[in-house]
Amino acid sequence: MTGAYLPGNRQVQLRKVPRPAPGFGEVLVKMRASTICGSDLRAIYREHLGKGPEAYQGVIGGHEPAGEIVEVGPGCKRFGVGDRVILYHIAGCGICDECRKGYMIGCTSRHRAAYGWQRDGGHADYLVAAEYTCVPLPDELSYLDGACVACGFGTAYEALCRAAVSGRDRVLITGLGPVGLAAGLLARALGSRQVIGFEVTEQRRRLALEIGAVDHAFEPAEGPERLAELTGGEGCEVSVDCSGAAPARLAALKGTRRWGRCVFVGEGGTVDFDVSPVLIHPQITLIGSWVTSVGRMEELARLLVLWNLHPEVTVTDRFRLDDAAQAYRVADQATGGKVGIVMED
């Protein structure tokens, strides 16, 4: 079979490798879709930055996989051949506090292994998965929908749940890349009465408006003034930074109304601000949110069907596995929506 590897220096290598076989408690998944995440670009594709959870171990890339189970190893208890699945992209130890809560992203064990980082991921014809990382993919959702849920939409949903977004809230999103688009669509599904986005790239602002992820999209220079006009100078009850950029993080905090909630989702970078007037005096709750739990991801998949919301609406570019190098080049430009590698027949 073919697998795509990420050696760094903005390179993608396609290699022929043996088709794997599932072991105890594992399933073999025929890959149907595997999308590209900004974390892959930041920490692996450009250069190997990671240590600890981000230490790339030279495996097949891709931590946002969805596919169909074609073989089941001994000891499996729930899933069978023919089941459509999303893969929660971290296989944790299963016994630490974080794993027992369902947040295998935070597994503290040396046995923790993320697909596409420490164990073979979804940029391949087949993938061996731990059964406990499988999330049912409803028939109403496409495999590309599922791949989007595997990280981006799951991450956005967790952030909104942590901020308890409801119909009472206006939501500000800074950074309208794939995760920001997901956050906007989900905020609207959760009942937000107004979603406002700040984004430096014109193409992404236009896309956010076209797919209905936001009601208004502004470039950062005009954003604060326009936000004040739209909210009567109050700001939004909830803000979510999906960019990881210092100016955007600060804009999210400053765009949050008194007693509001601000969530930092975008990875990397720093931020520097005067704590008293920006955070303490307006009594803002600042939340750090990292991916999601396997249970909440399964909940999201069910809700997407109820909402008739298809995450693949955020996908602007689709490539075959043989064109994985081009897929990464397009994703690295950071001017469009989600980029997917699609293997569906």
Protein backbone atom coordinates (compact mmCIF):
# COMPACT_ATOMS: atom_id res chain seq x y z
CA MET A 1 0.00 0.00 0.00
CA THR A 2 1.00 3.67 -0.24
CA GLY A 3 1.74 5.89 2.75
CA ALA A 4 2.69 9.58 2.92
CA TYR A 5 5.53 10.60 5.24
CA LEU A 6 6.58 14.09 6.40
CA PRO A 7 10.38 14.33 6.64
CA GLY A 8 10.34 18.10 7.27
CA ASN A 9 11.56 21.03 5.18
CA ARG A 10 8.13 21.19 3.46
CA GLN A 11 8.55 17.77 1.88
CA VAL A 12 6.12 14.85 1.47
CA GLN A 13 7.42 11.38 0.60
CA LEU A 14 5.20 8.63 -0.79
CA ARG A 15 6.43 5.14 0.08
CA LYS A 16 5.23 1.63 -0.66
CA VAL A 17 4.86 -0.28 2.59
CA PRO A 18 3.24 -3.60 3.56
CA ARG A 19 -0.45 -3.58 4.39
CA PRO A 20 -0.67 -3.80 8.20
CA ALA A 21 -2.67 -6.34 10.19
CA PRO A 22 -4.66 -5.57 13.35
CA GLY A 23 -3.51 -6.99 16.66
CA PHE A 24 -5.41 -7.58 19.87
CA GLY A 25 -8.03 -4.87 20.40
CA GLU A 26 -7.30 -3.31 17.02
CA VAL A 27 -9.14 -2.88 13.74
CA LEU A 28 -7.93 -2.38 10.18
CA VAL A 29 -9.54 0.68 8.61
CA LYS A 30 -9.64 1.29 4.87
CA MET A 31 -9.03 5.01 4.62
CA ARG A 32 -11.67 7.06 2.83
CA ALA A 33 -10.66 10.60 3.84
CA SER A 34 -7.82 12.18 5.79
CA THR A 35 -7.68 15.95 6.17
CA ILE A 36 -4.72 18.21 6.95
CA CYS A 37 -4.45 20.10 10.25
CA GLY A 38 -2.61 23.33 10.96
CA SER A 39 -0.67 21.53 13.70
CA ASP A 40 0.75 19.16 11.06
CA LEU A 41 1.97 22.17 9.10
CA ARG A 42 3.35 24.04 12.10
CA ALA A 43 5.13 21.22 13.90
CA ILE A 44 5.94 18.57 11.26
CA TYR A 45 5.67 19.68 7.63
CA ARG A 46 7.75 22.84 7.91
CA GLU A 47 10.26 21.47 10.40
CA HIS A 48 10.18 18.95 13.19
CA LEU A 49 9.59 21.20 16.17
CA GLY A 50 7.96 18.85 18.62
CA LYS A 51 9.01 17.33 21.86
CA GLY A 52 6.77 15.23 24.06
CA PRO A 53 3.25 15.01 22.58
CA GLU A 54 4.42 16.76 19.38
CA ALA A 55 7.46 14.58 18.75
CA TYR A 56 7.06 13.21 15.24
CA GLN A 57 8.44 9.67 15.02
CA GLY A 58 8.78 9.26 11.26
CA VAL A 59 5.43 7.52 10.85
CA ILE A 60 2.77 7.83 8.13
CA GLY A 61 1.22 11.28 8.50
CA GLY A 62 -2.36 12.33 9.02
CA HIS A 63 -4.19 12.63 12.34
CA GLU A 64 -7.67 13.37 10.97
CA PRO A 65 -8.78 10.02 9.49
CA ALA A 66 -12.14 8.48 8.65
CA GLY A 67 -12.83 5.21 6.93
CA GLU A 68 -14.42 1.76 6.91
CA ILE A 69 -13.40 -1.19 9.07
CA VAL A 70 -12.37 -4.12 6.87
CA GLU A 71 -10.77 -6.43 9.44
CA VAL A 72 -11.14 -6.90 13.18
CA GLY A 73 -8.45 -8.25 15.50
CA PRO A 74 -9.10 -10.50 18.51
CA GLY A 75 -10.50 -8.89 21.64
CA CYS A 76 -12.62 -6.21 19.93
CA LYS A 77 -15.92 -5.56 21.70
CA ARG A 78 -18.00 -3.02 19.79
CA PHE A 79 -17.02 -2.45 16.18
CA GLY A 80 -17.12 -4.88 13.26
CA VAL A 81 -16.35 -5.22 9.57
CA GLY A 82 -18.27 -2.69 7.51
CA ASP A 83 -18.60 -0.10 10.27
CA ARG A 84 -17.93 3.49 9.25
CA VAL A 85 -15.69 5.27 11.77
CA ILE A 86 -13.99 8.51 12.68
CA LEU A 87 -10.74 8.09 14.57
CA TYR A 88 -10.13 10.05 17.74
CA HIS A 89 -6.56 10.81 16.92
CA ILE A 90 -4.78 9.91 20.15
CA ALA A 91 -4.46 6.41 21.52
CA GLY A 92 -3.93 6.95 25.23
CA CYS A 93 -2.91 4.49 27.91
CA GLY A 94 -6.51 4.16 29.07
CA ILE A 95 -5.75 4.26 32.80
CA CYS A 96 -4.42 7.73 33.65
CA ASP A 97 -6.83 10.39 34.94
CA GLU A 98 -7.14 12.13 31.56
CA CYS A 99 -7.85 8.91 29.68
CA ARG A 100 -10.48 7.86 32.22
CA LYS A 101 -12.23 11.20 31.57
CA GLY A 102 -12.15 10.49 27.83
CA TYR A 103 -9.55 13.18 27.15
CA MET A 104 -6.84 10.96 25.70
CA ILE A 105 -5.32 14.11 24.18
CA GLY A 106 -3.98 14.82 27.67
CA CYS A 107 -2.73 11.29 28.40
CA THR A 108 0.26 11.54 30.72
CA SER A 109 1.69 8.09 29.99
CA ARG A 110 4.73 7.28 27.88
CA HIS A 111 2.42 4.89 26.03
CA ARG A 112 0.43 7.79 24.53
CA ALA A 113 0.62 7.75 20.73
CA ALA A 114 -1.12 10.07 18.27
CA TYR A 115 -1.98 8.94 14.76
CA GLY A 116 0.30 10.68 12.30
CA TRP A 117 2.76 11.66 15.02
CA GLN A 118 3.87 8.58 16.96
CA ARG A 119 1.88 5.84 15.18
CA ASP A 120 0.92 5.49 11.54
CA GLY A 121 -1.84 7.90 10.51
CA GLY A 122 -4.47 8.35 7.84
CA HIS A 123 -2.45 9.41 4.79
CA ALA A 124 -2.42 5.82 3.54
CA ASP A 125 -4.61 3.18 1.99
CA TYR A 126 -5.09 1.42 5.34
CA LEU A 127 -4.59 2.23 9.00
CA VAL A 128 -4.46 0.01 12.09
CA ALA A 129 -6.46 1.65 14.87
CA ALA A 130 -7.04 0.88 18.51
CA GLU A 131 -10.73 -0.01 18.74
CA TYR A 132 -11.24 2.38 21.68
CA THR A 133 -10.27 5.33 19.44
CA CYS A 134 -13.08 4.58 16.97
CA VAL A 135 -16.11 6.88 16.91
CA PRO A 136 -19.19 5.81 14.90
CA LEU A 137 -19.68 7.82 11.72
CA PRO A 138 -23.42 8.15 11.04
CA ASP A 139 -24.60 7.13 7.58
CA GLU A 140 -25.91 10.66 7.01
CA LEU A 141 -22.37 12.06 7.15
CA SER A 142 -19.72 11.61 4.47
CA TYR A 143 -16.26 10.28 5.19
CA LEU A 144 -14.94 13.77 4.52
CA ASP A 145 -17.38 15.07 7.14
CA GLY A 146 -15.93 12.51 9.53
CA ALA A 147 -12.34 13.48 8.85
CA CYS A 148 -13.22 17.11 9.61
CA VAL A 149 -14.76 16.03 12.91
CA ALA A 150 -11.66 14.02 13.87
CA CYS A 151 -9.82 17.16 14.95
CA GLY A 152 -11.01 20.54 13.65
CA PHE A 153 -14.73 20.35 14.36
CA GLY A 154 -14.14 18.36 17.52
CA THR A 155 -11.73 21.02 18.77
CA ALA A 156 -14.14 23.85 17.94
CA TYR A 157 -17.08 22.05 19.59
CA GLU A 158 -15.11 21.50 22.78
CA ALA A 159 -14.20 25.19 22.96
CA LEU A 160 -17.83 26.26 22.54
CA CYS A 161 -19.01 23.73 25.11
CA ARG A 162 -16.38 24.94 27.57
CA ALA A 163 -17.72 28.47 27.06
CA ALA A 164 -21.33 27.21 27.33
CA VAL A 165 -22.40 28.98 24.13
CA SER A 166 -26.16 29.30 23.74
CA GLY A 167 -28.81 31.53 22.19
CA ARG A 168 -28.00 34.18 24.79
CA ASP A 169 -24.59 34.80 23.30
CA ARG A 170 -22.94 36.79 20.57
CA VAL A 171 -19.68 35.12 19.52
CA LEU A 172 -16.45 36.67 18.24
CA ILE A 173 -14.01 34.41 16.39
CA THR A 174 -10.48 35.58 15.66
CA GLY A 175 -8.95 33.57 12.85
CA LEU A 176 -11.24 32.13 10.17
CA GLY A 177 -9.11 29.20 9.10
CA PRO A 178 -10.60 25.69 9.22
CA VAL A 179 -11.06 25.65 13.01
CA GLY A 180 -12.49 29.17 13.01
CA LEU A 181 -14.94 28.22 10.26
CA ALA A 182 -15.97 25.19 12.32
CA ALA A 183 -16.41 27.34 15.42
CA GLY A 184 -18.67 29.75 13.52
CA LEU A 185 -20.88 27.04 12.05
CA LEU A 186 -21.20 25.27 15.39
CA ALA A 187 -21.87 28.49 17.32
CA ARG A 188 -24.79 29.17 15.00
CA ALA A 189 -26.04 25.59 15.42
CA LEU A 190 -25.89 26.05 19.19
CA GLY A 191 -28.12 29.13 18.85
CA SER A 192 -25.73 32.07 18.91
CA ARG A 193 -27.65 35.18 17.87
CA GLN A 194 -24.68 36.80 16.12
CA VAL A 195 -21.27 35.52 15.01
CA ILE A 196 -18.53 37.99 14.10
CA GLY A 197 -15.14 37.07 12.65
CA PHE A 198 -11.76 38.78 12.37
CA GLU A 199 -9.45 37.41 9.68
CA VAL A 200 -6.43 38.80 7.83
CA THR A 201 -7.04 36.88 4.59
CA GLU A 202 -9.72 38.20 2.23
CA GLN A 203 -10.39 34.74 0.74
CA ARG A 204 -11.12 33.31 4.16
CA ARG A 205 -13.39 36.20 5.12
CA ARG A 206 -15.32 35.68 1.92
CA LEU A 207 -15.55 31.91 2.45
CA ALA A 208 -16.80 32.35 6.02
CA LEU A 209 -19.63 34.54 4.78
CA GLU A 210 -20.45 32.27 1.83
CA ILE A 211 -20.89 29.12 3.94
CA GLY A 212 -22.72 30.94 6.73
CA ALA A 213 -20.05 30.51 9.40
CA VAL A 214 -20.31 34.20 10.39
CA ASP A 215 -22.74 37.06 10.04
CA HIS A 216 -19.94 39.60 9.64
CA ALA A 217 -16.25 39.22 8.74
CA PHE A 218 -13.72 42.05 9.15
CA GLU A 219 -10.02 42.50 8.66
CA PRO A 220 -8.29 42.98 12.03
CA ALA A 221 -7.53 46.69 11.51
CA GLU A 222 -11.22 47.62 11.30
CA GLY A 223 -12.52 44.78 13.43
CA PRO A 224 -12.60 46.37 16.91
CA GLU A 225 -14.41 49.49 15.70
CA ARG A 226 -16.98 47.50 13.73
CA LEU A 227 -17.46 45.12 16.64
CA ALA A 228 -18.20 48.04 18.94
CA GLU A 229 -20.77 49.34 16.46
CA LEU A 230 -22.52 45.97 16.23
CA THR A 231 -22.61 45.35 19.98
CA GLY A 232 -23.33 48.83 21.28
CA GLY A 233 -19.79 49.07 22.61
CA GLU A 234 -20.24 46.02 24.84
CA GLY A 235 -18.33 43.34 22.95
CA CYS A 236 -19.39 39.71 22.64
CA GLU A 237 -20.42 37.40 25.45
CA VAL A 238 -18.04 34.75 24.08
CA SER A 239 -14.86 35.04 22.04
CA VAL A 240 -12.73 32.24 20.61
CA ASP A 241 -9.22 32.70 19.23
CA CYS A 242 -8.52 30.06 16.60
CA SER A 243 -5.36 31.63 15.18
CA GLY A 244 -2.64 31.30 17.80
CA ALA A 245 -1.39 34.77 16.80
CA ALA A 246 -0.68 37.28 19.56
CA PRO A 247 -2.61 40.21 18.01
CA ALA A 248 -5.65 38.00 17.44
CA ARG A 249 -5.56 36.64 20.97
CA LEU A 250 -5.47 40.16 22.34
CA ALA A 251 -8.29 41.21 20.01
CA ALA A 252 -10.38 38.29 21.29
CA LEU A 253 -9.85 39.33 24.90
CA LYS A 254 -10.57 42.98 24.21
CA GLY A 255 -13.63 42.04 22.18
CA THR A 256 -15.18 40.14 25.08
CA ARG A 257 -17.82 41.99 27.08
CA ARG A 258 -17.70 42.33 30.86
CA TRP A 259 -18.27 39.00 32.63
CA GLY A 260 -17.82 37.24 29.28
CA ARG A 261 -15.86 34.11 28.38
CA CYS A 262 -12.80 33.96 26.13
CA VAL A 263 -11.35 30.69 24.83
CA PHE A 264 -7.85 30.22 23.42
CA VAL A 265 -7.77 27.34 20.92
CA GLY A 266 -5.05 28.26 18.39
CA GLU A 267 -1.76 26.48 19.12
CA GLY A 268 1.69 28.00 19.60
CA GLY A 269 2.79 31.61 19.94
CA THR A 270 2.55 34.04 22.83
CA VAL A 271 0.46 36.98 23.98
CA ASP A 272 1.28 39.97 26.16
CA PHE A 273 -1.29 42.29 27.71
CA ASP A 274 -1.98 44.55 30.66
CA VAL A 275 -3.78 42.09 32.90
CA SER A 276 -5.83 44.40 35.10
CA PRO A 277 -7.73 46.46 32.48
CA VAL A 278 -7.99 43.64 29.93
CA LEU A 279 -8.82 40.62 32.08
CA ILE A 280 -9.30 41.28 35.79
CA HIS A 281 -11.35 44.48 35.87
CA PRO A 282 -13.87 43.34 33.21
CA GLN A 283 -14.03 40.01 35.09
CA ILE A 284 -13.49 37.88 32.00
CA THR A 285 -13.12 34.13 32.24
CA LEU A 286 -10.15 32.97 30.14
CA ILE A 287 -10.22 29.31 29.09
CA GLY A 288 -7.58 27.17 27.44
CA SER A 289 -9.11 24.35 25.39
CA TRP A 290 -7.16 21.50 23.77
CA VAL A 291 -8.94 19.22 21.26
CA THR A 292 -11.83 17.30 22.89
CA SER A 293 -12.84 14.02 24.52
CA VAL A 294 -13.81 10.86 22.69
CA GLY A 295 -17.28 11.05 24.25
CA ARG A 296 -17.86 14.61 23.16
CA MET A 297 -16.66 13.78 19.64
CA GLU A 298 -19.24 10.99 19.46
CA GLU A 299 -21.88 13.42 20.73
CA LEU A 300 -20.92 15.93 18.03
CA ALA A 301 -21.26 13.34 15.27
CA ARG A 302 -24.83 12.64 16.40
CA LEU A 303 -25.69 16.34 16.66
CA LEU A 304 -24.39 17.11 13.18
CA VAL A 305 -27.06 14.79 11.81
CA LEU A 306 -29.73 16.50 13.93
CA TRP A 307 -28.57 19.91 12.72
CA ASN A 308 -28.16 18.75 9.10
CA LEU A 309 -24.70 20.31 9.24
CA HIS A 310 -21.96 18.88 7.02
CA PRO A 311 -18.40 19.82 8.03
CA GLU A 312 -17.14 19.17 4.51
CA VAL A 313 -18.66 22.54 3.56
CA THR A 314 -15.39 23.98 4.96
CA VAL A 315 -13.28 21.90 2.54
CA THR A 316 -12.12 23.99 -0.40
CA ASP A 317 -9.48 21.66 -1.85
CA ARG A 318 -9.57 17.89 -2.40
CA PHE A 319 -6.66 15.71 -3.52
CA ARG A 320 -5.96 12.04 -4.07
CA LEU A 321 -3.33 10.29 -1.96
CA ASP A 322 -0.84 10.34 -4.86
CA ASP A 323 -1.09 14.14 -4.80
CA ALA A 324 -0.42 14.51 -1.05
CA ALA A 325 2.57 16.79 -1.68
CA GLN A 326 0.37 19.25 -3.58
CA ALA A 327 -2.26 19.00 -0.85
CA TYR A 328 0.26 20.08 1.76
CA ARG A 329 1.54 22.92 -0.41
CA VAL A 330 -1.99 24.28 -0.75
CA ALA A 331 -2.71 23.90 2.96
CA ASP A 332 0.56 25.66 3.80
CA GLN A 333 -0.57 28.77 1.89
CA ALA A 334 -3.26 29.29 4.56
CA THR A 335 -5.58 31.18 2.23
CA GLY A 336 -8.49 28.77 1.83
CA GLY A 337 -10.53 26.39 3.91
CA LYS A 338 -9.86 22.81 4.86
CA VAL A 339 -7.70 20.63 2.61
CA GLY A 340 -8.64 16.98 2.30
CA ILE A 341 -6.97 13.86 0.97
CA VAL A 342 -9.81 11.72 -0.29
CA MET A 343 -9.68 7.99 -1.06
CA GLU A 344 -13.42 7.31 -1.48
CA ASP A 345 -14.27 5.07 -4.42
